[in-house]
N, C-alpha and C. Protein backbone atom coordinates (compact mmCIF):
# COMPACT_ATOMS: atom_id res chain seq x y z
N MET A 1 4.09 59.65 49.30
CA MET A 1 3.12 60.85 48.52
C MET A 1 1.51 60.57 49.14
N THR A 2 0.88 61.28 49.47
CA THR A 2 -0.49 60.76 49.82
C THR A 2 -1.53 61.42 49.04
N PHE A 3 -2.67 60.43 49.02
CA PHE A 3 -3.60 60.79 47.98
C PHE A 3 -4.89 61.72 48.89
N GLU A 4 -5.19 62.75 48.26
CA GLU A 4 -6.14 63.76 48.76
C GLU A 4 -7.37 63.79 47.51
N ARG A 5 -8.62 63.89 47.95
CA ARG A 5 -9.52 63.72 46.77
C ARG A 5 -10.24 65.24 47.04
N SER A 6 -9.37 66.09 46.39
CA SER A 6 -9.66 67.55 46.37
C SER A 6 -10.42 67.85 44.94
N LYS A 7 -11.17 69.02 45.07
CA LYS A 7 -11.59 69.35 43.80
C LYS A 7 -10.42 69.70 42.77
N ALA A 8 -9.55 69.97 43.27
CA ALA A 8 -8.53 70.51 42.08
C ALA A 8 -8.16 69.06 41.60
N PHE A 9 -7.63 68.02 42.40
CA PHE A 9 -7.60 66.65 41.75
C PHE A 9 -8.53 66.12 40.58
N ARG A 10 -9.80 66.18 41.25
CA ARG A 10 -11.08 65.70 40.52
C ARG A 10 -10.99 66.81 39.06
N ASP A 11 -10.67 67.81 39.21
CA ASP A 11 -11.03 68.78 37.99
C ASP A 11 -9.73 68.47 36.97
N THR A 12 -8.69 68.42 37.48
CA THR A 12 -7.33 67.75 36.72
C THR A 12 -7.84 66.74 36.21
N LEU A 13 -8.15 65.57 36.88
CA LEU A 13 -8.45 64.37 36.27
C LEU A 13 -9.65 64.20 34.95
N LEU A 14 -10.33 65.11 35.40
CA LEU A 14 -11.79 65.23 34.37
C LEU A 14 -11.14 65.92 33.20
N SER A 15 -10.12 66.99 33.26
CA SER A 15 -9.29 67.81 32.18
C SER A 15 -8.68 67.00 31.02
N CYS A 16 -7.87 65.78 31.87
CA CYS A 16 -7.27 64.59 30.85
C CYS A 16 -8.14 64.02 30.11
N ASN A 17 -7.43 63.72 28.49
CA ASN A 17 -8.21 63.05 27.75
C ASN A 17 -7.41 61.38 28.02
N VAL A 18 -6.26 61.34 28.19
CA VAL A 18 -5.65 59.99 28.86
C VAL A 18 -5.25 60.02 30.08
N ILE A 19 -5.50 58.91 30.98
CA ILE A 19 -4.91 58.99 32.41
C ILE A 19 -4.44 57.62 32.47
N ILE A 20 -3.13 57.85 33.03
CA ILE A 20 -2.19 56.40 33.04
C ILE A 20 -1.67 56.26 34.64
N TYR A 21 -2.07 55.07 34.98
CA TYR A 21 -1.94 54.49 36.58
C TYR A 21 -1.03 53.23 36.54
N ASP A 22 -0.08 53.34 37.09
CA ASP A 22 0.85 52.30 37.50
C ASP A 22 0.29 51.59 38.66
N LEU A 23 -0.41 50.37 38.71
CA LEU A 23 -0.95 49.61 39.91
C LEU A 23 -0.02 49.39 41.00
N MET A 24 1.25 48.84 40.52
CA MET A 24 2.33 48.57 41.36
C MET A 24 2.78 49.85 42.28
N SER A 25 2.45 50.84 41.86
CA SER A 25 3.16 52.32 42.74
C SER A 25 2.15 53.07 43.20
N ASN A 26 0.77 52.72 42.86
CA ASN A 26 -0.19 53.39 43.42
C ASN A 26 -1.11 52.93 44.41
N ASP A 27 -1.53 53.56 45.32
CA ASP A 27 -2.56 53.00 46.17
C ASP A 27 -4.07 52.53 45.47
N PHE A 28 -4.80 51.80 46.18
CA PHE A 28 -5.80 51.14 45.48
C PHE A 28 -6.92 52.34 45.63
N GLU A 29 -6.77 52.90 47.07
CA GLU A 29 -7.86 53.91 47.41
C GLU A 29 -7.73 55.02 45.84
N GLU A 30 -6.94 55.58 45.59
CA GLU A 30 -6.60 56.57 44.60
C GLU A 30 -7.04 55.90 43.26
N VAL A 31 -6.74 54.63 42.93
CA VAL A 31 -7.36 54.11 41.70
C VAL A 31 -8.63 53.85 41.48
N ASP A 32 -9.41 53.59 42.74
CA ASP A 32 -10.66 53.39 42.81
C ASP A 32 -11.42 54.47 42.82
N TYR A 33 -10.76 55.56 43.23
CA TYR A 33 -11.31 57.07 43.15
C TYR A 33 -11.23 57.47 41.89
N VAL A 34 -10.44 57.03 41.17
CA VAL A 34 -10.20 57.49 39.66
C VAL A 34 -11.37 57.23 38.72
N ILE A 35 -11.39 55.47 39.21
CA ILE A 35 -12.37 54.96 38.44
C ILE A 35 -13.90 55.37 38.59
N LYS A 36 -14.19 55.19 39.90
CA LYS A 36 -15.40 55.94 40.54
C LYS A 36 -15.88 57.12 39.61
N THR A 37 -14.83 58.07 39.76
CA THR A 37 -15.31 59.39 39.49
C THR A 37 -15.41 59.57 37.71
N LEU A 38 -14.35 58.48 37.07
CA LEU A 38 -15.21 58.78 35.37
C LEU A 38 -16.08 57.94 35.38
N LYS A 39 -16.43 56.93 36.16
CA LYS A 39 -17.88 56.57 35.60
C LYS A 39 -18.86 57.39 36.13
N THR A 40 -18.88 58.16 37.10
CA THR A 40 -20.23 58.81 37.77
C THR A 40 -20.19 60.28 37.20
N SER A 41 -19.15 60.40 36.40
CA SER A 41 -19.07 62.09 35.79
C SER A 41 -19.94 62.37 34.59
N ASP A 42 -20.76 63.17 34.52
CA ASP A 42 -21.04 63.51 33.24
C ASP A 42 -19.76 64.14 31.74
N LEU A 43 -19.22 63.16 31.28
CA LEU A 43 -18.31 63.39 30.45
C LEU A 43 -18.87 63.80 28.97
N LYS A 44 -18.36 64.94 28.59
CA LYS A 44 -18.58 65.44 27.33
C LYS A 44 -17.69 64.99 26.29
N GLU A 45 -16.59 63.94 26.62
CA GLU A 45 -15.62 63.65 25.61
C GLU A 45 -15.07 62.50 26.20
N GLU A 46 -14.77 61.63 25.26
CA GLU A 46 -14.32 60.13 25.53
C GLU A 46 -13.00 60.44 26.27
N LYS A 47 -12.65 59.32 27.58
CA LYS A 47 -11.72 59.50 28.15
C LYS A 47 -11.12 57.88 28.01
N THR A 48 -9.69 57.91 28.26
CA THR A 48 -8.93 56.73 27.95
C THR A 48 -8.13 56.59 29.40
N LEU A 49 -8.57 55.38 30.23
CA LEU A 49 -7.61 55.03 31.28
C LEU A 49 -7.00 53.70 31.11
N VAL A 50 -5.55 54.11 31.38
CA VAL A 50 -4.82 52.77 31.05
C VAL A 50 -4.14 52.66 32.31
N LEU A 51 -4.25 51.07 32.60
CA LEU A 51 -3.66 50.68 33.92
C LEU A 51 -2.81 49.47 33.84
N LEU A 52 -1.45 50.53 33.92
CA LEU A 52 -0.01 49.11 34.25
C LEU A 52 -0.28 48.13 35.25
N SER A 53 0.24 47.02 35.13
CA SER A 53 0.46 45.83 35.76
C SER A 53 1.24 45.14 35.55
N SER A 54 1.46 44.12 36.21
CA SER A 54 2.54 42.83 35.94
C SER A 54 1.80 41.73 35.98
N VAL A 55 2.77 40.81 35.72
CA VAL A 55 2.02 39.23 35.76
C VAL A 55 1.56 38.97 37.27
N MET A 56 2.29 39.50 38.23
CA MET A 56 1.99 39.40 39.47
C MET A 56 0.45 39.63 39.77
N THR A 57 0.47 40.61 39.49
CA THR A 57 -1.09 41.37 39.95
C THR A 57 -2.10 40.55 39.53
N TRP A 58 -1.90 39.73 38.25
CA TRP A 58 -2.87 38.85 38.00
C TRP A 58 -2.74 37.45 38.29
N VAL A 59 -1.83 37.11 39.01
CA VAL A 59 -1.70 35.59 38.99
C VAL A 59 -2.52 34.76 40.03
N ASN A 60 -3.39 35.66 40.70
CA ASN A 60 -4.49 35.08 41.64
C ASN A 60 -5.93 35.10 40.69
N THR A 61 -5.98 35.38 39.67
CA THR A 61 -7.02 35.68 38.89
C THR A 61 -7.70 34.57 38.51
N PRO A 62 -8.76 33.86 38.95
CA PRO A 62 -9.18 32.65 38.36
C PRO A 62 -9.67 32.67 36.90
N GLN A 63 -8.98 31.31 36.42
CA GLN A 63 -9.28 31.11 34.81
C GLN A 63 -10.69 31.14 34.56
N LYS A 64 -10.78 31.67 33.29
CA LYS A 64 -12.33 31.79 32.69
C LYS A 64 -12.46 30.69 31.52
N PHE A 65 -11.42 30.22 31.27
CA PHE A 65 -11.45 29.06 30.09
C PHE A 65 -10.53 28.22 30.61
N LYS A 66 -10.79 26.58 30.12
CA LYS A 66 -10.25 25.51 30.47
C LYS A 66 -8.89 25.19 29.39
N GLU A 67 -7.81 25.14 29.81
CA GLU A 67 -6.71 24.71 28.98
C GLU A 67 -6.81 23.52 28.10
N ASP A 68 -6.33 23.50 27.09
CA ASP A 68 -6.25 22.17 26.12
C ASP A 68 -4.87 21.68 26.68
N LYS A 69 -4.98 20.44 27.11
CA LYS A 69 -3.34 19.74 27.32
C LYS A 69 -2.61 19.41 26.24
N VAL A 70 -1.59 19.99 26.43
CA VAL A 70 -0.70 19.60 24.97
C VAL A 70 -0.11 17.87 25.20
N GLU A 71 0.00 17.22 24.12
CA GLU A 71 0.25 15.93 24.22
C GLU A 71 1.73 15.84 24.62
N GLY A 72 1.87 14.86 25.77
CA GLY A 72 3.21 14.56 26.39
C GLY A 72 3.53 15.52 27.37
N GLU A 73 2.67 16.49 27.92
CA GLU A 73 2.49 17.03 29.30
C GLU A 73 2.94 16.30 30.78
N GLU A 74 3.66 16.79 31.45
CA GLU A 74 3.64 16.03 32.84
C GLU A 74 2.45 15.91 33.29
N GLY A 75 2.16 14.81 33.98
CA GLY A 75 0.81 14.20 34.69
C GLY A 75 -0.09 13.84 33.51
N GLU A 76 0.15 13.66 32.23
CA GLU A 76 -0.82 13.21 31.22
C GLU A 76 -0.08 12.05 30.54
N ALA A 77 -0.85 10.87 30.19
CA ALA A 77 -0.53 9.82 29.82
C ALA A 77 -0.48 9.89 28.39
N ALA A 78 0.68 9.52 27.64
CA ALA A 78 0.83 9.70 25.85
C ALA A 78 -0.48 8.89 25.72
N PRO A 79 -1.09 9.48 24.28
CA PRO A 79 -1.80 8.71 23.73
C PRO A 79 -1.48 7.26 23.59
N GLU A 80 -0.26 6.69 23.22
CA GLU A 80 -0.05 5.46 22.88
C GLU A 80 -0.15 4.84 24.02
N GLU A 81 0.16 4.91 25.25
CA GLU A 81 0.10 4.52 26.63
C GLU A 81 -1.50 4.14 26.85
N GLU A 82 -2.40 5.13 26.28
CA GLU A 82 -4.07 4.81 26.62
C GLU A 82 -4.40 4.08 25.59
N GLU A 83 -3.98 4.03 24.53
CA GLU A 83 -4.52 2.95 23.28
C GLU A 83 -3.93 1.63 23.54
N GLU A 84 -3.16 1.51 24.44
CA GLU A 84 -2.43 0.04 23.93
C GLU A 84 -3.37 -1.09 24.50
N PRO A 85 -4.25 -1.23 25.59
CA PRO A 85 -5.20 -2.08 26.13
C PRO A 85 -6.05 -2.34 24.79
N GLU A 86 -6.66 -1.19 23.99
CA GLU A 86 -7.42 -1.08 22.91
C GLU A 86 -7.00 -2.05 21.65
N GLU A 87 -5.44 -1.62 21.48
CA GLU A 87 -4.72 -2.25 20.42
C GLU A 87 -4.68 -3.49 20.45
N GLU A 88 -4.30 -3.94 21.85
CA GLU A 88 -3.85 -5.20 22.20
C GLU A 88 -5.05 -6.13 21.97
N GLU A 89 -6.48 -5.82 22.29
CA GLU A 89 -7.68 -6.29 21.90
C GLU A 89 -7.76 -6.51 20.62
N GLU A 90 -7.29 -5.50 19.83
CA GLU A 90 -7.77 -6.15 18.66
C GLU A 90 -6.63 -6.82 17.85
N LYS A 91 -5.73 -6.67 18.31
CA LYS A 91 -4.33 -7.81 17.52
C LYS A 91 -5.19 -9.16 18.09
N ASN A 92 -5.45 -9.41 19.26
CA ASN A 92 -5.88 -10.75 19.55
C ASN A 92 -7.10 -11.12 18.79
N GLU A 93 -8.26 -10.10 18.82
CA GLU A 93 -9.25 -10.47 17.80
C GLU A 93 -8.77 -10.94 16.33
N GLU A 94 -7.85 -10.19 15.83
CA GLU A 94 -7.60 -10.28 14.40
C GLU A 94 -6.61 -11.51 14.36
N GLU A 95 -6.03 -12.03 15.17
CA GLU A 95 -5.06 -13.40 15.35
C GLU A 95 -6.23 -14.22 15.22
N GLU A 96 -7.29 -14.21 16.23
CA GLU A 96 -8.48 -15.55 16.04
C GLU A 96 -9.03 -15.53 14.90
N LYS A 97 -9.32 -14.49 14.25
CA LYS A 97 -9.91 -14.50 12.78
C LYS A 97 -8.83 -14.86 12.05
N ASN A 98 -7.66 -14.71 11.95
CA ASN A 98 -6.65 -15.34 11.03
C ASN A 98 -6.52 -17.05 11.27
N GLU A 99 -6.48 -16.85 12.28
CA GLU A 99 -6.44 -18.67 12.69
C GLU A 99 -7.63 -19.34 12.60
N ASP A 100 -9.04 -18.78 12.61
CA ASP A 100 -9.95 -19.20 12.14
C ASP A 100 -10.20 -19.50 10.91
N GLN A 101 -9.71 -18.54 9.90
CA GLN A 101 -9.70 -18.62 8.37
C GLN A 101 -8.55 -19.75 8.01
N ALA A 102 -7.27 -19.60 8.79
CA ALA A 102 -6.56 -20.80 8.35
C ALA A 102 -7.17 -22.23 8.83
N GLU A 103 -7.72 -22.27 9.65
CA GLU A 103 -8.23 -23.79 10.19
C GLU A 103 -9.33 -24.15 9.07
N GLY A 104 -10.30 -22.99 8.57
CA GLY A 104 -11.07 -23.36 7.36
C GLY A 104 -10.52 -23.58 6.27
N GLU A 105 -9.51 -23.02 6.00
CA GLU A 105 -9.02 -23.26 4.80
C GLU A 105 -8.08 -24.47 4.87
N GLU A 106 -7.78 -24.97 5.96
CA GLU A 106 -7.02 -26.26 6.23
C GLU A 106 -8.45 -27.33 5.72
N GLU A 107 -9.50 -26.98 6.15
CA GLU A 107 -10.72 -28.31 6.16
C GLU A 107 -11.18 -28.12 4.57
N VAL A 108 -11.13 -27.03 4.03
CA VAL A 108 -11.29 -26.78 2.90
C VAL A 108 -10.53 -27.65 1.69
N VAL A 109 -9.31 -27.30 2.08
CA VAL A 109 -8.28 -27.84 0.78
C VAL A 109 -7.97 -29.79 1.17
N ILE A 110 -8.19 -30.20 -0.07
CA ILE A 110 -8.06 -31.47 0.20
C ILE A 110 -6.52 -32.05 -0.34
């Protein structure tokens, strides 16, 4: 089926209140024409344009937001693994303090 930019097509398009197009089965030129016609026409009433698509239609669309990574996702270290060096340092410092206190107690006790 070929698309023709006829006056009859334009008049029919503008007489509809709801226009539905399947992006998978219609030509880009036809959908583009419909959008441009609706934008440039002096509309007396509100029109609704519904465009049907699939996930594959949007697969190459760049993301507009940054995804929050979920704990334990592939390629991301688990939080326990990241905190180990800090925890080790804290344990070592704590052990040294305990040893110092133990030594101090030994010196004070007669």
